[in-house]
Amino acid sequence: MSAKHPAIVYDHESPRILVADVTSGQLRPAAHLDWLVLSSDHAPWQDSLLVEQSRRPPFEGPEHVPHAHHVCIRLGPSSILEWRIAGERPRRQRVTPGDVHLTSAGVPMWYQRWVGTTPRQYRQQR
């Protein structure tokens, strides 16, 4: 599946970590605003590095393409993460505090997360 690569729109008033939706090509923030805990959006170095801390509930996101390299560090409790990178088969693993995940710019990815349970148990609880 090939991703559309729209131009990066950089809003100096409110910079956010942006990803492009693979289906529509539309840019959107990597995390919903109501999940955001901390942001470096007004730091003097915001034009070269953006840092966001978010508290994400269990969710499934659409396939997207990051416009910049992402480094994600797990701070919260363990959970199950299922992901697919560049159309490969889905993978599943338990992520624990301190785990680091690197995502390259321009590589399509999809993921979903469950808290403290297996995907099947989570779907049954919903």
N, C-alpha and C. Protein backbone atom coordinates (compact mmCIF):
# COMPACT_ATOMS: atom_id res chain seq x y z
N MET A 1 0.85 -1.17 0.00
CA MET A 1 0.00 0.00 0.00
C MET A 1 0.89 1.23 0.00
N SER A 2 0.72 2.12 -0.92
CA SER A 2 1.54 3.32 -0.96
C SER A 2 0.85 4.46 -0.25
N ALA A 3 1.63 5.24 0.45
CA ALA A 3 1.09 6.36 1.22
C ALA A 3 1.21 7.64 0.43
N LYS A 4 0.23 8.52 0.62
CA LYS A 4 0.30 9.85 0.04
C LYS A 4 1.16 10.68 0.98
N HIS A 5 1.98 11.55 0.43
CA HIS A 5 2.84 12.37 1.25
C HIS A 5 2.50 13.84 1.07
N PRO A 6 1.55 14.36 1.85
CA PRO A 6 1.20 15.77 1.73
C PRO A 6 2.32 16.65 2.27
N ALA A 7 2.30 17.90 1.89
CA ALA A 7 3.29 18.84 2.40
C ALA A 7 3.11 19.00 3.90
N ILE A 8 4.20 19.15 4.60
CA ILE A 8 4.12 19.35 6.04
C ILE A 8 3.70 20.79 6.30
N VAL A 9 2.67 20.94 7.10
CA VAL A 9 2.20 22.26 7.48
C VAL A 9 2.68 22.49 8.91
N TYR A 10 3.55 23.45 9.08
CA TYR A 10 4.13 23.72 10.39
C TYR A 10 3.50 24.98 10.96
N ASP A 11 2.73 24.83 12.00
CA ASP A 11 2.03 25.94 12.64
C ASP A 11 2.87 26.40 13.82
N HIS A 12 3.53 27.55 13.69
CA HIS A 12 4.39 28.04 14.76
C HIS A 12 3.62 28.43 16.01
N GLU A 13 2.33 28.68 15.89
CA GLU A 13 1.52 29.03 17.05
C GLU A 13 1.23 27.81 17.92
N SER A 14 1.07 26.65 17.30
CA SER A 14 0.73 25.45 18.04
C SER A 14 1.34 24.22 17.37
N PRO A 15 2.66 24.07 17.41
CA PRO A 15 3.27 22.92 16.76
C PRO A 15 2.90 21.62 17.48
N ARG A 16 2.68 20.59 16.72
CA ARG A 16 2.34 19.26 17.25
C ARG A 16 3.11 18.24 16.43
N ILE A 17 3.24 17.04 16.97
CA ILE A 17 3.79 15.93 16.22
C ILE A 17 2.69 15.47 15.27
N LEU A 18 2.97 15.51 13.97
CA LEU A 18 1.96 15.22 12.96
C LEU A 18 2.25 13.90 12.23
N VAL A 19 1.17 13.24 11.84
CA VAL A 19 1.24 12.06 10.99
C VAL A 19 0.22 12.25 9.87
N ALA A 20 0.42 11.55 8.76
CA ALA A 20 -0.52 11.62 7.64
C ALA A 20 -1.33 10.34 7.61
N ASP A 21 -2.65 10.46 7.50
CA ASP A 21 -3.52 9.30 7.34
C ASP A 21 -3.24 8.68 5.98
N VAL A 22 -2.98 7.37 5.94
CA VAL A 22 -2.62 6.70 4.68
C VAL A 22 -3.76 6.77 3.66
N THR A 23 -5.00 6.61 4.11
CA THR A 23 -6.14 6.59 3.20
C THR A 23 -6.41 7.95 2.58
N SER A 24 -6.46 9.00 3.41
CA SER A 24 -6.84 10.32 2.92
C SER A 24 -5.66 11.23 2.60
N GLY A 25 -4.49 10.96 3.20
CA GLY A 25 -3.35 11.85 3.03
C GLY A 25 -3.41 13.07 3.93
N GLN A 26 -4.46 13.18 4.74
CA GLN A 26 -4.63 14.35 5.61
C GLN A 26 -3.69 14.28 6.82
N LEU A 27 -3.13 15.43 7.17
CA LEU A 27 -2.30 15.51 8.37
C LEU A 27 -3.17 15.60 9.60
N ARG A 28 -2.71 14.94 10.67
CA ARG A 28 -3.41 15.03 11.95
C ARG A 28 -2.37 14.88 13.06
N PRO A 29 -2.68 15.36 14.26
CA PRO A 29 -1.76 15.16 15.38
C PRO A 29 -1.61 13.67 15.69
N ALA A 30 -0.42 13.27 16.15
CA ALA A 30 -0.17 11.88 16.50
C ALA A 30 -1.01 11.44 17.69
N ALA A 31 -1.32 12.35 18.60
CA ALA A 31 -2.14 12.04 19.78
C ALA A 31 -3.27 13.05 19.88
N HIS A 32 -4.44 12.59 20.30
CA HIS A 32 -5.57 13.49 20.51
C HIS A 32 -5.22 14.53 21.56
N LEU A 33 -5.75 15.72 21.39
CA LEU A 33 -5.46 16.81 22.33
C LEU A 33 -5.86 16.45 23.76
N ASP A 34 -6.97 15.73 23.94
CA ASP A 34 -7.39 15.38 25.30
C ASP A 34 -6.51 14.30 25.93
N TRP A 35 -5.62 13.66 25.16
CA TRP A 35 -4.67 12.69 25.72
C TRP A 35 -3.36 13.36 26.14
N LEU A 36 -3.13 14.57 25.65
CA LEU A 36 -1.86 15.27 25.85
C LEU A 36 -1.68 15.70 27.30
N VAL A 37 -0.53 15.35 27.88
CA VAL A 37 -0.19 15.71 29.26
C VAL A 37 0.81 16.86 29.25
N LEU A 38 1.89 16.71 28.50
CA LEU A 38 2.94 17.72 28.40
C LEU A 38 3.37 17.86 26.94
N SER A 39 3.84 19.05 26.59
CA SER A 39 4.30 19.29 25.23
C SER A 39 5.41 20.32 25.24
N SER A 40 6.34 20.18 24.33
CA SER A 40 7.43 21.16 24.19
C SER A 40 7.06 22.23 23.15
N ASP A 41 5.76 22.40 22.92
CA ASP A 41 5.30 23.27 21.83
C ASP A 41 5.76 24.72 21.94
N HIS A 42 6.17 25.17 23.11
CA HIS A 42 6.63 26.56 23.23
C HIS A 42 8.10 26.64 23.66
N ALA A 43 8.81 25.53 23.58
CA ALA A 43 10.23 25.51 23.92
C ALA A 43 11.03 26.24 22.84
N PRO A 44 12.14 26.85 23.22
CA PRO A 44 12.94 27.57 22.22
C PRO A 44 13.51 26.67 21.13
N TRP A 45 13.57 25.38 21.35
CA TRP A 45 14.11 24.43 20.38
C TRP A 45 13.02 23.68 19.63
N GLN A 46 11.78 24.17 19.67
CA GLN A 46 10.65 23.48 19.05
C GLN A 46 10.79 23.29 17.54
N ASP A 47 11.57 24.11 16.88
CA ASP A 47 11.72 23.96 15.43
C ASP A 47 12.64 22.80 15.05
N SER A 48 13.36 22.22 16.02
CA SER A 48 14.23 21.08 15.70
C SER A 48 13.85 19.80 16.43
N LEU A 49 13.06 19.89 17.51
CA LEU A 49 12.65 18.70 18.25
C LEU A 49 11.33 18.98 18.95
N LEU A 50 10.35 18.11 18.74
CA LEU A 50 9.08 18.20 19.45
C LEU A 50 8.97 17.02 20.41
N VAL A 51 8.55 17.29 21.63
CA VAL A 51 8.37 16.26 22.64
C VAL A 51 6.94 16.35 23.15
N GLU A 52 6.25 15.23 23.18
CA GLU A 52 4.90 15.18 23.73
C GLU A 52 4.78 13.98 24.66
N GLN A 53 4.11 14.18 25.78
CA GLN A 53 3.75 13.07 26.66
C GLN A 53 2.23 12.97 26.62
N SER A 54 1.74 11.75 26.40
CA SER A 54 0.29 11.58 26.35
C SER A 54 -0.11 10.35 27.14
N ARG A 55 -1.34 10.37 27.61
CA ARG A 55 -1.94 9.21 28.27
C ARG A 55 -3.01 8.68 27.33
N ARG A 56 -2.69 7.60 26.66
CA ARG A 56 -3.60 7.04 25.65
C ARG A 56 -4.45 5.94 26.26
N PRO A 57 -5.75 6.02 26.06
CA PRO A 57 -6.61 4.90 26.48
C PRO A 57 -6.44 3.76 25.48
N PRO A 58 -6.98 2.58 25.76
CA PRO A 58 -6.96 1.52 24.74
C PRO A 58 -7.61 2.07 23.47
N PHE A 59 -7.01 1.83 22.33
CA PHE A 59 -7.52 2.40 21.08
C PHE A 59 -6.96 1.66 19.89
N GLU A 60 -7.58 1.91 18.75
CA GLU A 60 -7.05 1.47 17.46
C GLU A 60 -6.99 2.70 16.59
N GLY A 61 -5.84 2.98 16.04
CA GLY A 61 -5.69 4.14 15.18
C GLY A 61 -5.66 3.73 13.72
N PRO A 62 -5.97 4.66 12.80
CA PRO A 62 -5.89 4.33 11.38
C PRO A 62 -4.42 4.20 10.96
N GLU A 63 -4.19 3.54 9.83
CA GLU A 63 -2.82 3.45 9.32
C GLU A 63 -2.35 4.85 8.99
N HIS A 64 -1.13 5.17 9.39
CA HIS A 64 -0.61 6.51 9.18
C HIS A 64 0.88 6.47 8.83
N VAL A 65 1.38 7.62 8.40
CA VAL A 65 2.78 7.78 8.02
C VAL A 65 3.35 8.96 8.81
N PRO A 66 4.34 8.72 9.70
CA PRO A 66 4.96 9.84 10.40
C PRO A 66 5.83 10.66 9.45
N HIS A 67 5.82 11.97 9.62
CA HIS A 67 6.62 12.85 8.77
C HIS A 67 8.02 13.06 9.30
N ALA A 68 8.24 12.67 10.53
CA ALA A 68 9.57 12.77 11.14
C ALA A 68 9.81 11.48 11.92
N HIS A 69 11.04 11.23 12.24
CA HIS A 69 11.34 10.05 13.05
C HIS A 69 10.69 10.21 14.43
N HIS A 70 10.14 9.12 14.95
CA HIS A 70 9.50 9.14 16.27
C HIS A 70 10.27 8.23 17.22
N VAL A 71 10.46 8.69 18.44
CA VAL A 71 11.01 7.87 19.52
C VAL A 71 9.93 7.85 20.59
N CYS A 72 9.40 6.66 20.88
CA CYS A 72 8.36 6.51 21.89
C CYS A 72 8.93 5.74 23.07
N ILE A 73 8.78 6.30 24.26
CA ILE A 73 9.27 5.66 25.48
C ILE A 73 8.06 5.37 26.35
N ARG A 74 7.89 4.12 26.70
CA ARG A 74 6.75 3.70 27.52
C ARG A 74 6.97 4.14 28.96
N LEU A 75 6.08 4.97 29.49
CA LEU A 75 6.17 5.45 30.86
C LEU A 75 5.13 4.78 31.77
N GLY A 76 3.99 4.41 31.21
CA GLY A 76 2.89 3.87 32.00
C GLY A 76 3.04 2.38 32.27
N PRO A 77 1.99 1.78 32.83
CA PRO A 77 2.03 0.35 33.13
C PRO A 77 2.06 -0.50 31.86
N SER A 78 2.33 -1.76 32.04
CA SER A 78 2.39 -2.70 30.91
C SER A 78 1.06 -2.76 30.18
N SER A 79 1.14 -3.02 28.89
CA SER A 79 -0.05 -3.22 28.07
C SER A 79 0.34 -4.06 26.87
N ILE A 80 -0.66 -4.48 26.12
CA ILE A 80 -0.43 -5.26 24.90
C ILE A 80 -0.52 -4.31 23.71
N LEU A 81 0.45 -4.39 22.83
CA LEU A 81 0.47 -3.56 21.63
C LEU A 81 0.49 -4.48 20.42
N GLU A 82 -0.39 -4.22 19.48
CA GLU A 82 -0.38 -4.93 18.20
C GLU A 82 -0.10 -3.89 17.14
N TRP A 83 0.82 -4.20 16.21
CA TRP A 83 1.18 -3.24 15.19
C TRP A 83 1.53 -3.93 13.89
N ARG A 84 1.52 -3.13 12.83
CA ARG A 84 1.91 -3.58 11.50
C ARG A 84 2.69 -2.43 10.87
N ILE A 85 3.85 -2.74 10.35
CA ILE A 85 4.70 -1.72 9.73
C ILE A 85 4.84 -2.03 8.24
N ALA A 86 4.61 -1.03 7.40
CA ALA A 86 4.80 -1.12 5.95
C ALA A 86 4.13 -2.35 5.35
N GLY A 87 2.91 -2.67 5.78
CA GLY A 87 2.14 -3.75 5.19
C GLY A 87 2.55 -5.15 5.61
N GLU A 88 3.51 -5.27 6.52
CA GLU A 88 3.92 -6.60 6.99
C GLU A 88 2.79 -7.22 7.81
N ARG A 89 2.97 -8.47 8.19
CA ARG A 89 1.96 -9.14 9.01
C ARG A 89 1.90 -8.45 10.38
N PRO A 90 0.72 -8.45 11.02
CA PRO A 90 0.61 -7.85 12.35
C PRO A 90 1.48 -8.59 13.38
N ARG A 91 2.01 -7.85 14.30
CA ARG A 91 2.82 -8.39 15.39
C ARG A 91 2.20 -7.94 16.71
N ARG A 92 2.45 -8.71 17.75
CA ARG A 92 1.88 -8.38 19.06
C ARG A 92 2.96 -8.58 20.12
N GLN A 93 2.99 -7.66 21.10
CA GLN A 93 3.93 -7.81 22.20
C GLN A 93 3.42 -7.05 23.42
N ARG A 94 3.91 -7.45 24.58
CA ARG A 94 3.64 -6.72 25.81
C ARG A 94 4.68 -5.61 25.89
N VAL A 95 4.24 -4.39 26.10
CA VAL A 95 5.16 -3.27 26.30
C VAL A 95 5.17 -2.94 27.78
N THR A 96 6.36 -2.68 28.30
CA THR A 96 6.52 -2.43 29.73
C THR A 96 7.22 -1.09 29.94
N PRO A 97 7.14 -0.50 31.12
CA PRO A 97 7.78 0.79 31.37
C PRO A 97 9.27 0.75 30.99
N GLY A 98 9.70 1.76 30.27
CA GLY A 98 11.08 1.86 29.82
C GLY A 98 11.32 1.34 28.42
N ASP A 99 10.35 0.61 27.84
CA ASP A 99 10.50 0.13 26.47
C ASP A 99 10.59 1.33 25.52
N VAL A 100 11.44 1.20 24.52
CA VAL A 100 11.63 2.26 23.53
C VAL A 100 11.28 1.70 22.16
N HIS A 101 10.48 2.45 21.40
CA HIS A 101 10.13 2.08 20.03
C HIS A 101 10.53 3.21 19.11
N LEU A 102 11.21 2.88 18.03
CA LEU A 102 11.62 3.85 17.04
C LEU A 102 10.80 3.66 15.78
N THR A 103 10.33 4.75 15.20
CA THR A 103 9.57 4.70 13.96
C THR A 103 10.23 5.66 12.97
N SER A 104 10.55 5.16 11.79
CA SER A 104 11.19 5.99 10.77
C SER A 104 10.18 6.86 10.05
N ALA A 105 10.60 8.04 9.68
CA ALA A 105 9.75 8.94 8.90
C ALA A 105 9.41 8.28 7.57
N GLY A 106 8.16 8.47 7.12
CA GLY A 106 7.74 8.00 5.81
C GLY A 106 7.38 6.53 5.72
N VAL A 107 7.41 5.80 6.84
CA VAL A 107 7.08 4.38 6.82
C VAL A 107 5.65 4.19 7.33
N PRO A 108 4.75 3.64 6.50
CA PRO A 108 3.36 3.45 6.93
C PRO A 108 3.28 2.46 8.10
N MET A 109 2.46 2.79 9.08
CA MET A 109 2.29 1.90 10.22
C MET A 109 0.87 1.99 10.77
N TRP A 110 0.48 0.94 11.46
CA TRP A 110 -0.84 0.86 12.10
C TRP A 110 -0.62 0.20 13.46
N TYR A 111 -1.37 0.61 14.47
CA TYR A 111 -1.26 -0.05 15.76
C TYR A 111 -2.53 0.11 16.57
N GLN A 112 -2.67 -0.78 17.54
CA GLN A 112 -3.74 -0.69 18.53
C GLN A 112 -3.18 -1.18 19.85
N ARG A 113 -3.81 -0.77 20.95
CA ARG A 113 -3.28 -1.08 22.27
C ARG A 113 -4.41 -1.50 23.20
N TRP A 114 -4.13 -2.50 24.01
CA TRP A 114 -5.05 -2.94 25.05
C TRP A 114 -4.33 -2.83 26.38
N VAL A 115 -5.06 -2.58 27.45
CA VAL A 115 -4.45 -2.41 28.75
C VAL A 115 -4.61 -3.68 29.57
N GLY A 116 -3.48 -4.28 29.97
CA GLY A 116 -3.45 -5.39 30.90
C GLY A 116 -4.28 -6.60 30.54
N THR A 117 -4.52 -6.84 29.28
CA THR A 117 -5.36 -7.94 28.86
C THR A 117 -4.96 -8.37 27.45
N THR A 118 -5.51 -9.45 26.99
CA THR A 118 -5.25 -9.87 25.62
C THR A 118 -6.25 -9.18 24.69
N PRO A 119 -5.97 -9.10 23.39
CA PRO A 119 -6.91 -8.48 22.45
C PRO A 119 -8.29 -9.11 22.51
N ARG A 120 -8.37 -10.43 22.59
CA ARG A 120 -9.67 -11.10 22.64
C ARG A 120 -10.45 -10.70 23.90
N GLN A 121 -9.79 -10.70 25.07
CA GLN A 121 -10.46 -10.31 26.30
C GLN A 121 -10.93 -8.86 26.23
N TYR A 122 -10.08 -8.00 25.64
CA TYR A 122 -10.46 -6.60 25.53
C TYR A 122 -11.72 -6.43 24.66
N ARG A 123 -11.76 -7.12 23.52
CA ARG A 123 -12.94 -7.02 22.65
C ARG A 123 -14.18 -7.54 23.36
N GLN A 124 -14.04 -8.58 24.19
CA GLN A 124 -15.19 -9.11 24.91
C GLN A 124 -15.68 -8.15 25.99
N GLN A 125 -14.77 -7.33 26.54
CA GLN A 125 -15.14 -6.37 27.58
C GLN A 125 -15.87 -5.17 27.02
N ARG A 126 -15.69 -4.87 25.72
CA ARG A 126 -16.26 -3.66 25.12
C ARG A 126 -17.71 -3.76 24.92
